[in-house]
C-alpha cells in the first residue's frame, strides 16, 4: 500500500495543496466565523480570541497548502513533505477523537475522524518511493 501510486506523488501534492487552499485556508482566514457556523460551532460573545486563532489557523493552512504546491515540483523534498502531511493528518485524527470523546465539538467535526484517517491512508498510497 505504501507508495503504490508513488509515481504520481507530485500530482497528489499539487491537488492536496490547491484543495487545502481553496476549501480551508482562504475561507477560514477571511471568514472564520462564517466557516465555524457552517461546521456547527457556536460563536462566543467574546470573539476577539476566536477570530485571532481562526485566522492564525487559516494562515498556517495556507502555508501548508503553498508548500505542498511547491513540493509537487521538487522530488528531493517530497519524502520530507509527505512525512509532514502524514504527521498533520494523524494529529487531526487524534484531535478529533479527543473532541468526540469529550463531546466538545459539533457532529461534523466528529465525522471528520474518518476524513482525516482516509486522507492519511491516501497519502500513504502516494508516498514517493525511491
Protein backbone atom coordinates (compact mmCIF):
# COMPACT_ATOMS: atom_id res chain seq x y z
CA UNK A 1 0.00 0.00 0.00
CA UNK A 2 2.78 2.45 0.85
CA UNK A 3 3.82 4.17 -2.35
CA UNK A 4 1.55 2.17 -4.63
CA UNK A 5 0.90 5.39 -6.58
CA UNK A 6 4.25 6.96 -5.72
CA UNK A 7 4.93 7.80 -9.36
CA UNK A 8 2.17 10.40 -9.06
CA UNK A 9 3.30 11.96 -5.77
CA UNK A 10 3.83 15.38 -7.37
CA UNK A 11 0.33 15.50 -8.80
CA UNK A 12 -1.08 14.39 -5.45
CA UNK A 13 0.74 17.19 -3.61
CA UNK A 14 -0.46 19.76 -6.11
CA UNK A 15 -4.09 18.65 -5.81
CA UNK A 16 -3.93 18.47 -2.00
CA UNK A 17 -2.29 21.89 -1.85
CA UNK A 18 -4.92 23.56 -4.01
CA UNK A 19 -7.78 21.84 -2.17
CA UNK A 20 -6.44 22.93 1.22
CA UNK A 21 -6.01 26.47 -0.04
CA UNK A 22 -9.48 26.79 -1.59
CA UNK A 23 -11.58 24.71 0.81
CA UNK A 24 -9.89 25.59 4.09
CA UNK A 25 -7.09 28.16 4.24
CA UNK A 26 -8.70 31.05 2.38
CA UNK A 27 -12.19 30.68 3.89
CA UNK A 28 -11.01 30.30 7.49
CA UNK A 29 -8.53 33.18 7.13
CA UNK A 30 -11.01 35.61 5.60
CA UNK A 31 -14.30 34.45 7.15
CA UNK A 32 -13.52 32.42 10.30
CA UNK A 33 -16.92 32.86 11.93
CA UNK A 34 -18.89 32.05 8.80
CA UNK A 35 -16.75 28.93 8.38
CA UNK A 36 -17.32 27.98 12.04
CA UNK A 37 -21.10 28.39 11.68
CA UNK A 38 -21.14 26.11 8.64
CA UNK A 39 -19.28 23.45 10.61
CA UNK A 40 -21.70 23.84 13.53
CA UNK A 41 -19.73 25.74 16.15
CA UNK A 42 -21.44 28.22 18.45
CA UNK A 43 -19.89 31.67 18.20
CA UNK A 44 -18.97 33.06 21.63
CA UNK A 45 -19.97 36.52 22.83
CA UNK A 46 -16.32 37.48 23.24
CA UNK A 47 -14.98 36.93 19.71
CA UNK A 48 -11.54 38.57 19.57
CA UNK A 49 -9.58 35.47 20.59
CA UNK A 50 -11.62 33.12 18.41
CA UNK A 51 -11.17 35.45 15.43
CA UNK A 52 -7.43 35.65 16.05
CA UNK A 53 -6.99 31.88 16.38
CA UNK A 54 -9.21 31.18 13.39
CA UNK A 55 -7.18 33.48 11.18
CA UNK A 56 -3.90 32.07 12.54
CA UNK A 57 -5.06 28.56 11.68
CA UNK A 58 -6.06 29.73 8.23
CA UNK A 59 -2.60 31.22 7.66
CA UNK A 60 -0.90 28.00 8.81
CA UNK A 61 -3.20 26.06 6.46
CA UNK A 62 -2.23 28.45 3.67
CA UNK A 63 1.47 27.81 4.32
CA UNK A 64 0.92 24.05 4.30
CA UNK A 65 -1.01 24.38 1.03
CA UNK A 66 1.56 26.65 -0.61
CA UNK A 67 4.47 24.40 0.26
CA UNK A 68 2.52 21.36 -0.89
CA UNK A 69 2.17 23.03 -4.28
CA UNK A 70 5.88 23.93 -4.32
CA UNK A 71 6.95 20.43 -3.20
CA UNK A 72 4.94 18.96 -6.06
CA UNK A 73 7.68 20.10 -8.45
CA UNK A 74 10.64 19.10 -6.28
CA UNK A 75 11.11 15.33 -5.92
CA UNK A 76 14.01 15.85 -3.50
CA UNK A 77 11.79 17.39 -0.81
CA UNK A 78 8.72 15.23 -1.43
CA UNK A 79 9.59 12.45 1.08
CA UNK A 80 10.01 15.05 3.83
CA UNK A 81 6.82 16.81 2.85
CA UNK A 82 4.82 13.59 2.77
CA UNK A 83 6.05 12.85 6.31
CA UNK A 84 4.92 16.31 7.37
CA UNK A 85 1.46 15.78 5.86
CA UNK A 86 1.15 12.34 7.47
CA UNK A 87 2.01 13.89 10.83
CA UNK A 88 -0.60 16.62 10.35
CA UNK A 89 -3.28 14.13 9.28
CA UNK A 90 -2.52 11.78 12.22
CA UNK A 91 -2.65 14.74 14.62
CA UNK A 92 -6.03 15.73 13.21
CA UNK A 93 -7.36 12.19 13.77
CA UNK A 94 -6.19 12.27 17.39
CA UNK A 95 -7.56 15.78 17.97
CA UNK A 96 -10.98 14.88 16.56
CA UNK A 97 -11.15 11.62 18.53
CA UNK A 98 -10.40 13.59 21.70
CA UNK A 99 -13.15 16.11 20.87
CA UNK A 100 -15.60 13.28 20.20
CA UNK A 101 -14.80 11.51 23.47
CA UNK A 102 -15.15 14.76 25.44
CA UNK A 103 -18.26 15.69 23.42
CA UNK A 104 -16.95 19.22 22.90
CA UNK A 105 -17.32 19.53 19.15
CA UNK A 106 -20.13 19.62 16.59
CA UNK A 107 -21.12 16.34 14.92
CA UNK A 108 -19.45 17.34 11.65
CA UNK A 109 -16.11 17.58 13.45
CA UNK A 110 -16.61 14.03 14.76
CA UNK A 111 -17.36 12.78 11.25
CA UNK A 112 -14.05 14.29 10.18
CA UNK A 113 -12.25 11.47 12.01
CA UNK A 114 -12.97 9.27 9.00
CA UNK A 115 -11.99 12.02 6.59
CA UNK A 116 -8.59 12.60 8.21
CA UNK A 117 -7.93 8.88 8.56
CA UNK A 118 -8.85 8.33 4.91
CA UNK A 119 -6.58 11.18 3.87
CA UNK A 120 -3.78 9.60 5.93
CA UNK A 121 -4.22 6.30 4.07
CA UNK A 122 -4.47 8.03 0.69
CA UNK A 123 -1.28 9.98 1.41
CA UNK A 124 0.50 6.71 2.20
CA UNK A 125 -0.58 5.38 -1.20
CA UNK A 126 1.04 8.34 -2.97
CA UNK A 127 4.20 8.37 -0.83
CA UNK A 128 7.21 8.74 -3.17
CA UNK A 129 9.28 5.57 -3.29
CA UNK A 130 12.86 5.65 -4.48
